[in-house]
Amino acid sequence: MPDSTATATRRDELLAIAARLFAEKGFKNTTVRDIADAAGILSGSLYHHFDSKESMVDEILSTFQTELFAAYDDVLASDADARTKIERAVRLSFAAIDRHPDEVAIFQNEADYLGTFPRFAYLAERNAQSRNVWMTLLTEGVETGALRADLDVTLTYRFVRDTVWVAVRWYRPGGGLSHEAIAAQYLTILLDGISHA
């Protein structure tokens, strides 16, 4: 009888290998054989764990997003002031890029394509949920006076979304700056500006 812990660990290893390949080569350009070769197994052996590469990317994205949005929900539910909530949301976003660069890259690069398939309809829901998180935080910031009253909240949301998540393209864990240092600098730019008052 196979050890369920060993089986779970092997599944996790295979998902990590698949995530790296999907992030580097693209989902469409990565074959089951590519994943099996990188794992040092025969293609047929991969089917003992997953029925398709679609199942693999589904598990990769849904697991990551469940964790990420639980963290965002904690920020929204906290009693912290609006500025602190925004700071926490930016910091946890950079922490996600640091801990899950492949998952973030897959979502950034593949969500539109994968979203054309019914099983990935939840990706559009997650996009809407992400928008709601940031719009809520920014609106609260304006309403409480933590942010400027003349702020265009929708434009600011797009700016934050695009500048934070695109960092996955250049940020390398263990590089010259930690994700905490980058988040701190982004927050200085976002909340305090880049010019002298």
N, C-alpha and C. Protein backbone atom coordinates (compact mmCIF):
# COMPACT_ATOMS: atom_id res chain seq x y z
N MET A 1 0.85 -1.18 0.00
CA MET A 1 0.00 0.00 0.00
C MET A 1 0.90 1.25 0.00
N PRO A 2 0.69 2.18 -0.98
CA PRO A 2 1.57 3.33 -1.08
C PRO A 2 1.40 4.28 0.09
N ASP A 3 2.49 4.90 0.49
CA ASP A 3 2.48 5.88 1.56
C ASP A 3 1.81 7.15 1.05
N SER A 4 0.72 7.58 1.69
CA SER A 4 -0.02 8.75 1.21
C SER A 4 0.80 10.02 1.34
N THR A 5 1.67 10.10 2.34
CA THR A 5 2.53 11.28 2.51
C THR A 5 3.52 11.37 1.36
N ALA A 6 4.11 10.23 1.01
CA ALA A 6 5.06 10.20 -0.11
C ALA A 6 4.36 10.55 -1.41
N THR A 7 3.14 10.05 -1.58
CA THR A 7 2.37 10.35 -2.79
C THR A 7 2.06 11.83 -2.87
N ALA A 8 1.65 12.42 -1.74
CA ALA A 8 1.35 13.85 -1.70
C ALA A 8 2.60 14.67 -1.99
N THR A 9 3.73 14.26 -1.42
CA THR A 9 4.98 14.96 -1.65
C THR A 9 5.38 14.89 -3.12
N ARG A 10 5.22 13.73 -3.73
CA ARG A 10 5.55 13.56 -5.14
C ARG A 10 4.63 14.43 -6.01
N ARG A 11 3.37 14.48 -5.66
CA ARG A 11 2.43 15.36 -6.38
C ARG A 11 2.89 16.81 -6.30
N ASP A 12 3.28 17.23 -5.10
CA ASP A 12 3.75 18.61 -4.91
C ASP A 12 5.00 18.88 -5.74
N GLU A 13 5.91 17.90 -5.78
CA GLU A 13 7.13 18.05 -6.59
C GLU A 13 6.78 18.20 -8.07
N LEU A 14 5.86 17.38 -8.53
CA LEU A 14 5.45 17.43 -9.94
C LEU A 14 4.76 18.75 -10.26
N LEU A 15 3.94 19.23 -9.33
CA LEU A 15 3.27 20.52 -9.55
C LEU A 15 4.29 21.66 -9.59
N ALA A 16 5.31 21.59 -8.76
CA ALA A 16 6.35 22.62 -8.75
C ALA A 16 7.12 22.62 -10.07
N ILE A 17 7.42 21.44 -10.57
CA ILE A 17 8.12 21.32 -11.86
C ILE A 17 7.24 21.87 -12.98
N ALA A 18 5.97 21.49 -12.98
CA ALA A 18 5.03 21.97 -14.00
C ALA A 18 4.89 23.49 -13.93
N ALA A 19 4.78 24.02 -12.72
CA ALA A 19 4.63 25.47 -12.55
C ALA A 19 5.82 26.21 -13.14
N ARG A 20 7.03 25.70 -12.87
CA ARG A 20 8.23 26.34 -13.40
C ARG A 20 8.22 26.33 -14.93
N LEU A 21 7.84 25.20 -15.52
CA LEU A 21 7.81 25.10 -16.98
C LEU A 21 6.71 25.97 -17.58
N PHE A 22 5.53 25.97 -16.96
CA PHE A 22 4.44 26.82 -17.46
C PHE A 22 4.85 28.29 -17.41
N ALA A 23 5.54 28.69 -16.34
CA ALA A 23 5.97 30.08 -16.19
C ALA A 23 7.05 30.44 -17.22
N GLU A 24 7.98 29.50 -17.47
CA GLU A 24 9.10 29.78 -18.36
C GLU A 24 8.73 29.65 -19.84
N LYS A 25 8.02 28.58 -20.19
CA LYS A 25 7.75 28.28 -21.60
C LYS A 25 6.36 28.68 -22.05
N GLY A 26 5.46 28.89 -21.09
CA GLY A 26 4.06 29.14 -21.43
C GLY A 26 3.28 27.84 -21.34
N PHE A 27 2.02 27.94 -20.97
CA PHE A 27 1.19 26.76 -20.80
C PHE A 27 1.03 26.00 -22.11
N LYS A 28 0.71 26.72 -23.19
CA LYS A 28 0.48 26.06 -24.48
C LYS A 28 1.73 25.37 -25.01
N ASN A 29 2.89 25.94 -24.72
CA ASN A 29 4.15 25.39 -25.26
C ASN A 29 4.76 24.29 -24.40
N THR A 30 4.15 24.03 -23.26
CA THR A 30 4.66 22.98 -22.37
C THR A 30 3.83 21.71 -22.57
N THR A 31 4.50 20.61 -22.85
CA THR A 31 3.80 19.34 -23.04
C THR A 31 3.89 18.48 -21.78
N VAL A 32 3.05 17.49 -21.71
CA VAL A 32 3.13 16.51 -20.63
C VAL A 32 4.50 15.85 -20.65
N ARG A 33 5.00 15.60 -21.83
CA ARG A 33 6.33 14.98 -21.94
C ARG A 33 7.42 15.89 -21.36
N ASP A 34 7.31 17.20 -21.61
CA ASP A 34 8.27 18.16 -21.03
C ASP A 34 8.29 18.05 -19.51
N ILE A 35 7.11 17.97 -18.92
CA ILE A 35 7.00 17.89 -17.47
C ILE A 35 7.59 16.57 -16.97
N ALA A 36 7.22 15.49 -17.65
CA ALA A 36 7.74 14.17 -17.26
C ALA A 36 9.26 14.11 -17.39
N ASP A 37 9.78 14.64 -18.48
CA ASP A 37 11.24 14.64 -18.69
C ASP A 37 11.95 15.42 -17.58
N ALA A 38 11.39 16.58 -17.24
CA ALA A 38 12.00 17.41 -16.19
C ALA A 38 11.93 16.71 -14.83
N ALA A 39 10.92 15.86 -14.66
CA ALA A 39 10.75 15.13 -13.40
C ALA A 39 11.52 13.82 -13.39
N GLY A 40 12.06 13.45 -14.55
CA GLY A 40 12.82 12.21 -14.64
C GLY A 40 11.95 10.97 -14.63
N ILE A 41 10.75 11.09 -15.18
CA ILE A 41 9.83 9.95 -15.24
C ILE A 41 9.28 9.81 -16.66
N LEU A 42 8.63 8.70 -16.93
CA LEU A 42 7.98 8.51 -18.22
C LEU A 42 6.67 9.29 -18.24
N SER A 43 6.27 9.74 -19.43
CA SER A 43 5.03 10.50 -19.56
C SER A 43 3.85 9.77 -18.95
N GLY A 44 3.79 8.46 -19.18
CA GLY A 44 2.67 7.67 -18.65
C GLY A 44 2.60 7.70 -17.13
N SER A 45 3.76 7.81 -16.50
CA SER A 45 3.79 7.83 -15.03
C SER A 45 3.14 9.09 -14.47
N LEU A 46 3.19 10.16 -15.25
CA LEU A 46 2.58 11.41 -14.80
C LEU A 46 1.07 11.24 -14.64
N TYR A 47 0.50 10.38 -15.47
CA TYR A 47 -0.95 10.18 -15.43
C TYR A 47 -1.41 9.38 -14.21
N HIS A 48 -0.47 8.86 -13.44
CA HIS A 48 -0.84 8.23 -12.17
C HIS A 48 -1.24 9.30 -11.15
N HIS A 49 -0.78 10.54 -11.39
CA HIS A 49 -1.03 11.64 -10.45
C HIS A 49 -2.03 12.66 -10.98
N PHE A 50 -2.01 12.90 -12.31
CA PHE A 50 -2.86 13.93 -12.91
C PHE A 50 -3.40 13.41 -14.23
N ASP A 51 -4.63 13.80 -14.55
CA ASP A 51 -5.21 13.31 -15.80
C ASP A 51 -4.83 14.18 -17.01
N SER A 52 -4.29 15.38 -16.76
CA SER A 52 -3.92 16.26 -17.86
C SER A 52 -3.09 17.42 -17.34
N LYS A 53 -2.48 18.15 -18.27
CA LYS A 53 -1.74 19.34 -17.83
C LYS A 53 -2.72 20.43 -17.41
N GLU A 54 -3.94 20.39 -17.96
CA GLU A 54 -4.97 21.33 -17.52
C GLU A 54 -5.30 21.14 -16.04
N SER A 55 -5.36 19.89 -15.60
CA SER A 55 -5.60 19.61 -14.19
C SER A 55 -4.45 20.13 -13.33
N MET A 56 -3.24 20.03 -13.86
CA MET A 56 -2.08 20.52 -13.12
C MET A 56 -2.13 22.03 -12.95
N VAL A 57 -2.36 22.76 -14.04
CA VAL A 57 -2.37 24.22 -13.93
C VAL A 57 -3.57 24.69 -13.11
N ASP A 58 -4.67 23.95 -13.19
CA ASP A 58 -5.85 24.27 -12.38
C ASP A 58 -5.51 24.18 -10.89
N GLU A 59 -4.86 23.10 -10.50
CA GLU A 59 -4.50 22.93 -9.09
C GLU A 59 -3.47 23.97 -8.65
N ILE A 60 -2.51 24.27 -9.52
CA ILE A 60 -1.49 25.27 -9.21
C ILE A 60 -2.14 26.63 -8.94
N LEU A 61 -3.01 27.06 -9.85
CA LEU A 61 -3.61 28.39 -9.73
C LEU A 61 -4.64 28.46 -8.62
N SER A 62 -5.49 27.45 -8.50
CA SER A 62 -6.54 27.53 -7.49
C SER A 62 -5.97 27.48 -6.07
N THR A 63 -4.94 26.67 -5.85
CA THR A 63 -4.31 26.59 -4.53
C THR A 63 -3.66 27.92 -4.17
N PHE A 64 -2.91 28.48 -5.10
CA PHE A 64 -2.24 29.76 -4.87
C PHE A 64 -3.26 30.86 -4.60
N GLN A 65 -4.30 30.93 -5.40
CA GLN A 65 -5.26 32.02 -5.25
C GLN A 65 -6.09 31.89 -3.98
N THR A 66 -6.37 30.68 -3.57
CA THR A 66 -7.08 30.49 -2.31
C THR A 66 -6.27 31.09 -1.16
N GLU A 67 -4.98 30.82 -1.15
CA GLU A 67 -4.09 31.36 -0.12
C GLU A 67 -4.01 32.88 -0.19
N LEU A 68 -3.83 33.41 -1.41
CA LEU A 68 -3.68 34.85 -1.59
C LEU A 68 -4.92 35.61 -1.15
N PHE A 69 -6.08 35.14 -1.57
CA PHE A 69 -7.30 35.88 -1.26
C PHE A 69 -7.73 35.71 0.19
N ALA A 70 -7.33 34.64 0.83
CA ALA A 70 -7.55 34.52 2.28
C ALA A 70 -6.76 35.60 3.00
N ALA A 71 -5.53 35.86 2.53
CA ALA A 71 -4.70 36.91 3.13
C ALA A 71 -5.31 38.29 2.88
N TYR A 72 -5.80 38.53 1.66
CA TYR A 72 -6.47 39.81 1.38
C TYR A 72 -7.71 39.98 2.25
N ASP A 73 -8.47 38.91 2.42
CA ASP A 73 -9.67 38.98 3.27
C ASP A 73 -9.32 39.37 4.69
N ASP A 74 -8.20 38.85 5.19
CA ASP A 74 -7.74 39.21 6.54
C ASP A 74 -7.44 40.70 6.63
N VAL A 75 -6.84 41.25 5.58
CA VAL A 75 -6.54 42.69 5.56
C VAL A 75 -7.85 43.48 5.58
N LEU A 76 -8.78 43.11 4.73
CA LEU A 76 -10.06 43.84 4.65
C LEU A 76 -10.83 43.77 5.97
N ALA A 77 -10.74 42.64 6.64
CA ALA A 77 -11.50 42.45 7.88
C ALA A 77 -10.83 43.06 9.11
N SER A 78 -9.60 43.51 8.97
CA SER A 78 -8.87 44.02 10.14
C SER A 78 -9.41 45.38 10.58
N ASP A 79 -9.08 45.75 11.80
CA ASP A 79 -9.49 47.04 12.35
C ASP A 79 -8.48 48.13 12.08
N ALA A 80 -7.46 47.84 11.28
CA ALA A 80 -6.41 48.82 11.00
C ALA A 80 -6.97 50.00 10.21
N ASP A 81 -6.25 51.12 10.25
CA ASP A 81 -6.68 52.28 9.47
C ASP A 81 -6.42 52.01 7.99
N ALA A 82 -7.01 52.86 7.13
CA ALA A 82 -6.99 52.62 5.69
C ALA A 82 -5.58 52.56 5.12
N ARG A 83 -4.70 53.47 5.55
CA ARG A 83 -3.33 53.48 5.03
C ARG A 83 -2.61 52.18 5.40
N THR A 84 -2.77 51.74 6.64
CA THR A 84 -2.13 50.50 7.08
C THR A 84 -2.63 49.31 6.27
N LYS A 85 -3.93 49.29 5.98
CA LYS A 85 -4.48 48.19 5.17
C LYS A 85 -3.86 48.18 3.77
N ILE A 86 -3.73 49.35 3.17
CA ILE A 86 -3.11 49.43 1.83
C ILE A 86 -1.67 48.95 1.90
N GLU A 87 -0.95 49.40 2.93
CA GLU A 87 0.44 48.96 3.09
C GLU A 87 0.52 47.44 3.24
N ARG A 88 -0.36 46.87 4.04
CA ARG A 88 -0.35 45.42 4.25
C ARG A 88 -0.67 44.69 2.95
N ALA A 89 -1.62 45.21 2.17
CA ALA A 89 -1.99 44.55 0.91
C ALA A 89 -0.84 44.57 -0.09
N VAL A 90 -0.12 45.71 -0.17
CA VAL A 90 1.02 45.79 -1.07
C VAL A 90 2.13 44.84 -0.61
N ARG A 91 2.39 44.82 0.70
CA ARG A 91 3.45 43.94 1.22
C ARG A 91 3.12 42.46 0.98
N LEU A 92 1.87 42.08 1.19
CA LEU A 92 1.54 40.66 0.99
C LEU A 92 1.55 40.30 -0.49
N SER A 93 1.29 41.27 -1.36
CA SER A 93 1.38 41.01 -2.80
C SER A 93 2.82 40.73 -3.20
N PHE A 94 3.76 41.52 -2.68
CA PHE A 94 5.18 41.27 -2.98
C PHE A 94 5.66 39.98 -2.32
N ALA A 95 5.13 39.66 -1.16
CA ALA A 95 5.47 38.39 -0.53
C ALA A 95 5.00 37.23 -1.40
N ALA A 96 3.82 37.38 -2.02
CA ALA A 96 3.30 36.33 -2.92
C ALA A 96 4.21 36.17 -4.13
N ILE A 97 4.70 37.29 -4.68
CA ILE A 97 5.61 37.22 -5.82
C ILE A 97 6.90 36.52 -5.41
N ASP A 98 7.37 36.78 -4.18
CA ASP A 98 8.59 36.17 -3.69
C ASP A 98 8.42 34.67 -3.47
N ARG A 99 7.31 34.28 -2.84
CA ARG A 99 7.10 32.86 -2.50
C ARG A 99 6.55 32.04 -3.65
N HIS A 100 5.80 32.68 -4.54
CA HIS A 100 5.12 31.95 -5.61
C HIS A 100 5.34 32.63 -6.97
N PRO A 101 6.59 32.85 -7.37
CA PRO A 101 6.81 33.56 -8.63
C PRO A 101 6.24 32.84 -9.85
N ASP A 102 6.32 31.53 -9.85
CA ASP A 102 5.80 30.78 -11.00
C ASP A 102 4.28 30.90 -11.10
N GLU A 103 3.61 30.78 -9.97
CA GLU A 103 2.15 30.87 -9.95
C GLU A 103 1.69 32.26 -10.39
N VAL A 104 2.38 33.29 -9.91
CA VAL A 104 2.03 34.66 -10.30
C VAL A 104 2.26 34.85 -11.80
N ALA A 105 3.40 34.37 -12.30
CA ALA A 105 3.70 34.51 -13.73
C ALA A 105 2.67 33.78 -14.58
N ILE A 106 2.29 32.58 -14.16
CA ILE A 106 1.28 31.83 -14.92
C ILE A 106 -0.01 32.61 -14.98
N PHE A 107 -0.44 33.14 -13.83
CA PHE A 107 -1.70 33.89 -13.82
C PHE A 107 -1.59 35.13 -14.71
N GLN A 108 -0.49 35.86 -14.60
CA GLN A 108 -0.32 37.07 -15.40
C GLN A 108 -0.29 36.77 -16.90
N ASN A 109 0.37 35.68 -17.27
CA ASN A 109 0.58 35.37 -18.68
C ASN A 109 -0.54 34.54 -19.31
N GLU A 110 -1.22 33.74 -18.50
CA GLU A 110 -2.11 32.72 -19.07
C GLU A 110 -3.59 32.88 -18.73
N ALA A 111 -3.93 33.81 -17.84
CA ALA A 111 -5.33 33.90 -17.37
C ALA A 111 -6.30 34.14 -18.52
N ASP A 112 -5.94 35.03 -19.45
CA ASP A 112 -6.85 35.32 -20.56
C ASP A 112 -7.08 34.08 -21.42
N TYR A 113 -6.01 33.36 -21.71
CA TYR A 113 -6.15 32.15 -22.54
C TYR A 113 -6.93 31.07 -21.78
N LEU A 114 -6.52 30.79 -20.56
CA LEU A 114 -7.18 29.74 -19.79
C LEU A 114 -8.65 30.08 -19.53
N GLY A 115 -8.93 31.36 -19.36
CA GLY A 115 -10.30 31.79 -19.09
C GLY A 115 -11.28 31.50 -20.21
N THR A 116 -10.77 31.11 -21.39
CA THR A 116 -11.67 30.76 -22.49
C THR A 116 -12.25 29.36 -22.32
N PHE A 117 -11.75 28.61 -21.31
CA PHE A 117 -12.25 27.26 -21.05
C PHE A 117 -13.14 27.27 -19.81
N PRO A 118 -14.28 26.59 -19.85
CA PRO A 118 -15.24 26.63 -18.74
C PRO A 118 -14.64 26.27 -17.38
N ARG A 119 -13.71 25.33 -17.32
CA ARG A 119 -13.18 24.92 -16.01
C ARG A 119 -12.38 26.03 -15.34
N PHE A 120 -11.97 27.04 -16.14
CA PHE A 120 -11.19 28.14 -15.59
C PHE A 120 -12.00 29.43 -15.46
N ALA A 121 -13.32 29.30 -15.44
CA ALA A 121 -14.18 30.48 -15.30
C ALA A 121 -13.87 31.22 -14.00
N TYR A 122 -13.39 30.51 -13.00
CA TYR A 122 -13.10 31.15 -11.71
C TYR A 122 -11.99 32.19 -11.81
N LEU A 123 -11.17 32.14 -12.87
CA LEU A 123 -10.10 33.13 -13.00
C LEU A 123 -10.67 34.53 -13.20
N ALA A 124 -11.75 34.63 -13.97
CA ALA A 124 -12.41 35.94 -14.14
C ALA A 124 -13.02 36.39 -12.82
N GLU A 125 -13.55 35.43 -12.05
CA GLU A 125 -14.11 35.77 -10.74
C GLU A 125 -13.01 36.27 -9.80
N ARG A 126 -11.84 35.66 -9.86
CA ARG A 126 -10.72 36.09 -9.03
C ARG A 126 -10.24 37.48 -9.46
N ASN A 127 -10.24 37.75 -10.76
CA ASN A 127 -9.88 39.08 -11.24
C ASN A 127 -10.83 40.12 -10.67
N ALA A 128 -12.12 39.81 -10.71
CA ALA A 128 -13.13 40.73 -10.16
C ALA A 128 -12.95 40.88 -8.65
N GLN A 129 -12.62 39.79 -7.98
CA GLN A 129 -12.40 39.84 -6.54
C GLN A 129 -11.19 40.71 -6.21
N SER A 130 -10.13 40.58 -7.00
CA SER A 130 -8.94 41.39 -6.79
C SER A 130 -9.26 42.87 -6.97
N ARG A 131 -10.00 43.18 -8.02
CA ARG A 131 -10.41 44.57 -8.26
C ARG A 131 -11.20 45.09 -7.06
N ASN A 132 -12.09 44.28 -6.55
CA ASN A 132 -12.92 44.69 -5.43
C ASN A 132 -12.07 44.96 -4.18
N VAL A 133 -11.07 44.12 -3.94
CA VAL A 133 -10.18 44.32 -2.79
C VAL A 133 -9.54 45.70 -2.86
N TRP A 134 -8.91 45.98 -4.00
CA TRP A 134 -8.18 47.25 -4.14
C TRP A 134 -9.10 48.45 -4.18
N MET A 135 -10.23 48.33 -4.87
CA MET A 135 -11.19 49.45 -4.91
C MET A 135 -11.73 49.74 -3.52
N THR A 136 -11.97 48.70 -2.74
CA THR A 136 -12.45 48.88 -1.36
C THR A 136 -11.40 49.60 -0.52
N LEU A 137 -10.15 49.15 -0.62
CA LEU A 137 -9.08 49.76 0.16
C LEU A 137 -8.86 51.22 -0.23
N LEU A 138 -8.83 51.49 -1.52
CA LEU A 138 -8.58 52.84 -1.99
C LEU A 138 -9.75 53.77 -1.68
N THR A 139 -10.96 53.27 -1.86
CA THR A 139 -12.15 54.08 -1.54
C THR A 139 -12.17 54.43 -0.06
N GLU A 140 -11.87 53.45 0.78
CA GLU A 140 -11.81 53.70 2.22
C GLU A 140 -10.73 54.73 2.52
N GLY A 141 -9.61 54.65 1.81
CA GLY A 141 -8.54 55.62 2.01
C GLY A 141 -8.97 57.04 1.70
N VAL A 142 -9.71 57.20 0.60
CA VAL A 142 -10.21 58.53 0.23
C VAL A 142 -11.25 59.01 1.24
N GLU A 143 -12.18 58.13 1.60
CA GLU A 143 -13.27 58.52 2.49
C GLU A 143 -12.80 58.88 3.90
N THR A 144 -11.71 58.27 4.35
CA THR A 144 -11.21 58.55 5.70
C THR A 144 -10.15 59.65 5.72
N GLY A 145 -9.79 60.15 4.54
CA GLY A 145 -8.78 61.20 4.47
C GLY A 145 -7.35 60.70 4.46
N ALA A 146 -7.16 59.38 4.42
CA ALA A 146 -5.80 58.85 4.35
C ALA A 146 -5.19 59.08 2.97
N LEU A 147 -6.04 59.18 1.95
CA LEU A 147 -5.61 59.45 0.59
C LEU A 147 -6.28 60.75 0.11
N ARG A 148 -5.74 61.33 -0.91
CA ARG A 148 -6.24 62.60 -1.43
C ARG A 148 -7.70 62.48 -1.86
N ALA A 149 -8.45 63.52 -1.62
CA ALA A 149 -9.88 63.53 -1.96
C ALA A 149 -10.11 63.55 -3.47
N ASP A 150 -9.14 64.10 -4.23
CA ASP A 150 -9.32 64.21 -5.68
C ASP A 150 -8.78 62.99 -6.45
N LEU A 151 -8.47 61.93 -5.73
CA LEU A 151 -7.89 60.74 -6.35
C LEU A 151 -8.92 60.04 -7.24
N ASP A 152 -8.52 59.68 -8.44
CA ASP A 152 -9.35 58.83 -9.29
C ASP A 152 -9.09 57.39 -8.85
N VAL A 153 -10.04 56.82 -8.12
CA VAL A 153 -9.83 55.51 -7.48
C VAL A 153 -9.63 54.41 -8.51
N THR A 154 -10.38 54.44 -9.59
CA THR A 154 -10.25 53.39 -10.62
C THR A 154 -8.88 53.45 -11.28
N LEU A 155 -8.43 54.64 -11.62
CA LEU A 155 -7.12 54.79 -12.23
C LEU A 155 -6.01 54.38 -11.26
N THR A 156 -6.18 54.73 -10.00
CA THR A 156 -5.19 54.36 -8.99
C THR A 156 -5.14 52.85 -8.81
N TYR A 157 -6.30 52.21 -8.83
CA TYR A 157 -6.34 50.74 -8.75
C TYR A 157 -5.55 50.13 -9.90
N ARG A 158 -5.77 50.64 -11.12
CA ARG A 158 -5.05 50.09 -12.28
C ARG A 158 -3.56 50.30 -12.15
N PHE A 159 -3.17 51.47 -11.66
CA PHE A 159 -1.75 51.77 -11.46
C PHE A 159 -1.13 50.79 -10.46
N VAL A 160 -1.79 50.60 -9.33
CA VAL A 160 -1.27 49.70 -8.30
C VAL A 160 -1.19 48.27 -8.84
N ARG A 161 -2.28 47.81 -9.45
CA ARG A 161 -2.31 46.45 -10.00
C ARG A 161 -1.16 46.22 -10.98
N ASP A 162 -1.02 47.14 -11.92
CA ASP A 162 -0.03 46.94 -12.98
C ASP A 162 1.40 47.08 -12.47
N THR A 163 1.65 48.03 -11.58
CA THR A 163 3.02 48.23 -11.12
C THR A 163 3.46 47.15 -10.14
N VAL A 164 2.53 46.66 -9.33
CA VAL A 164 2.90 45.62 -8.36
C VAL A 164 3.11 44.28 -9.07
N TRP A 165 2.10 43.81 -9.79
CA TRP A 165 2.15 42.44 -10.31
C TRP A 165 3.12 42.26 -11.46
N VAL A 166 3.41 43.34 -12.22
CA VAL A 166 4.38 43.20 -13.31
C VAL A 166 5.78 42.97 -12.77
N ALA A 167 5.99 43.24 -11.48
CA ALA A 167 7.30 43.01 -10.87
C ALA A 167 7.74 41.55 -10.97
N VAL A 168 6.79 40.65 -11.17
CA VAL A 168 7.16 39.23 -11.30
C VAL A 168 8.06 39.01 -12.51
N ARG A 169 8.04 39.92 -13.46
CA ARG A 169 8.86 39.77 -14.67
C ARG A 169 10.33 40.05 -14.41
N TRP A 170 10.63 40.87 -13.40
CA TRP A 170 12.03 41.22 -13.16
C TRP A 170 12.54 40.85 -11.77
N TYR A 171 11.64 40.70 -10.81
CA TYR A 171 12.08 40.39 -9.46
C TYR A 171 12.60 38.96 -9.39
N ARG A 172 13.75 38.77 -8.72
CA ARG A 172 14.30 37.43 -8.51
C ARG A 172 14.53 37.21 -7.03
N PRO A 173 13.86 36.21 -6.44
CA PRO A 173 14.10 35.92 -5.03
C PRO A 173 15.60 35.72 -4.77
N GLY A 174 16.08 36.32 -3.68
CA GLY A 174 17.50 36.20 -3.36
C GLY A 174 18.37 37.19 -4.11
N GLY A 175 17.75 38.11 -4.86
CA GLY A 175 18.51 39.09 -5.63
C GLY A 175 19.00 40.24 -4.76
N GLY A 176 19.34 41.35 -5.40
CA GLY A 176 19.91 42.49 -4.71
C GLY A 176 19.00 43.11 -3.66
N LEU A 177 17.70 43.11 -3.92
CA LEU A 177 16.73 43.68 -2.97
C LEU A 177 15.74 42.61 -2.55
N SER A 178 15.42 42.58 -1.27
CA SER A 178 14.41 41.64 -0.79
C SER A 178 13.02 42.13 -1.20
N HIS A 179 12.05 41.23 -1.17
CA HIS A 179 10.70 41.66 -1.51
C HIS A 179 10.18 42.68 -0.50
N GLU A 180 10.64 42.60 0.75
CA GLU A 180 10.23 43.59 1.76
C GLU A 180 10.76 44.97 1.41
N ALA A 181 12.03 45.03 0.97
CA ALA A 181 12.63 46.32 0.60
C ALA A 181 11.94 46.92 -0.62
N ILE A 182 11.61 46.07 -1.59
CA ILE A 182 10.93 46.56 -2.79
C ILE A 182 9.54 47.05 -2.43
N ALA A 183 8.82 46.31 -1.60
CA ALA A 183 7.49 46.74 -1.17
C ALA A 183 7.56 48.08 -0.45
N ALA A 184 8.56 48.25 0.41
CA ALA A 184 8.71 49.52 1.14
C ALA A 184 8.94 50.67 0.17
N GLN A 185 9.78 50.46 -0.84
CA GLN A 185 10.05 51.52 -1.81
C GLN A 185 8.81 51.83 -2.64
N TYR A 186 8.08 50.79 -3.06
CA TYR A 186 6.84 51.00 -3.80
C TYR A 186 5.85 51.81 -2.96
N LEU A 187 5.76 51.48 -1.67
CA LEU A 187 4.83 52.19 -0.80
C LEU A 187 5.23 53.65 -0.64
N THR A 188 6.53 53.92 -0.56
CA THR A 188 7.00 55.30 -0.48
C THR A 188 6.58 56.06 -1.73
N ILE A 189 6.78 55.45 -2.90
CA ILE A 189 6.40 56.09 -4.16
C ILE A 189 4.88 56.27 -4.22
N LEU A 190 4.15 55.24 -3.88
CA LEU A 190 2.69 55.27 -3.98
C LEU A 190 2.05 56.26 -3.01
N LEU A 191 2.50 56.23 -1.77
CA LEU A 191 1.82 57.01 -0.73
C LEU A 191 2.46 58.36 -0.44
N ASP A 192 3.75 58.50 -0.73
CA ASP A 192 4.43 59.76 -0.42
C ASP A 192 4.94 60.49 -1.65
N GLY A 193 4.93 59.85 -2.82
CA GLY A 193 5.38 60.50 -4.03
C GLY A 193 6.89 60.41 -4.23
N ILE A 194 7.37 60.98 -5.35
CA ILE A 194 8.80 60.91 -5.66
C ILE A 194 9.44 62.29 -5.70
N SER A 195 8.67 63.32 -5.44
CA SER A 195 9.26 64.67 -5.42
C SER A 195 9.17 65.27 -4.02
N HIS A 196 9.99 66.27 -3.75
CA HIS A 196 9.93 66.97 -2.46
C HIS A 196 8.64 67.76 -2.41
N ALA A 197 8.04 67.79 -1.27
CA ALA A 197 6.78 68.55 -1.12
C ALA A 197 7.03 70.04 -1.26
